[in-house]
């Protein structure tokens, strides 16, 4: 029976190449099965059932918002009350980079010019000291870029809210008509799209 070929029997250039390859493999990190795909999106948040997204959709973007909920005091048929003007906020990613602005409508506008308007489907009061969590149906602006950051959005969740509550009714009287109050708030906005949509 012939003797098996050993590494020592190989030409010197081959021996050096094999050793270099084995050294590189030994130094490489071990990747176990079950690791998340390189382009996996964010996980679906745990939310009350009233604002869960049901169907063949997936979250693809989370923005951390800091800003204000703006109200003004106005006369009504029965007296005076605070009227909601809309939000004024900016959304940032986990590294603090600007993702989008948030304004009345409500509307979200990304840095690439794509924008989406939201209509409330349902809400959940999670804390008495903060504005409710929301589920909104999203309608992208057709005049924006077709492949924009927000162009494929189907739903938006507002979660993890702090602050932003409407000012006390007693603070809106005849003498306060026209006064504007900007109430600080924070929230996370989770953007969803159809599962079959490219990442």
Foldseek 3Di string as FASTA:
>chain_A
DDDDDDLVNDDPVVNVVVVVVVVVVVPDDDDDPPDDPPQDADAQDDDPPQQHDDDQKGWHDKWKKWWWFKWAWAADPVFIFIDTQWIWIFTAHPVRHTAWTATPLGKTAGPQGKMKGWDFPDWDQPDPQWDTKTKTAIDIDPVGDCPDPQNQFGIKIKDPKGKHDGPDGVVRHPVRHGPMDIIIMITMMTTMGGNPDDD
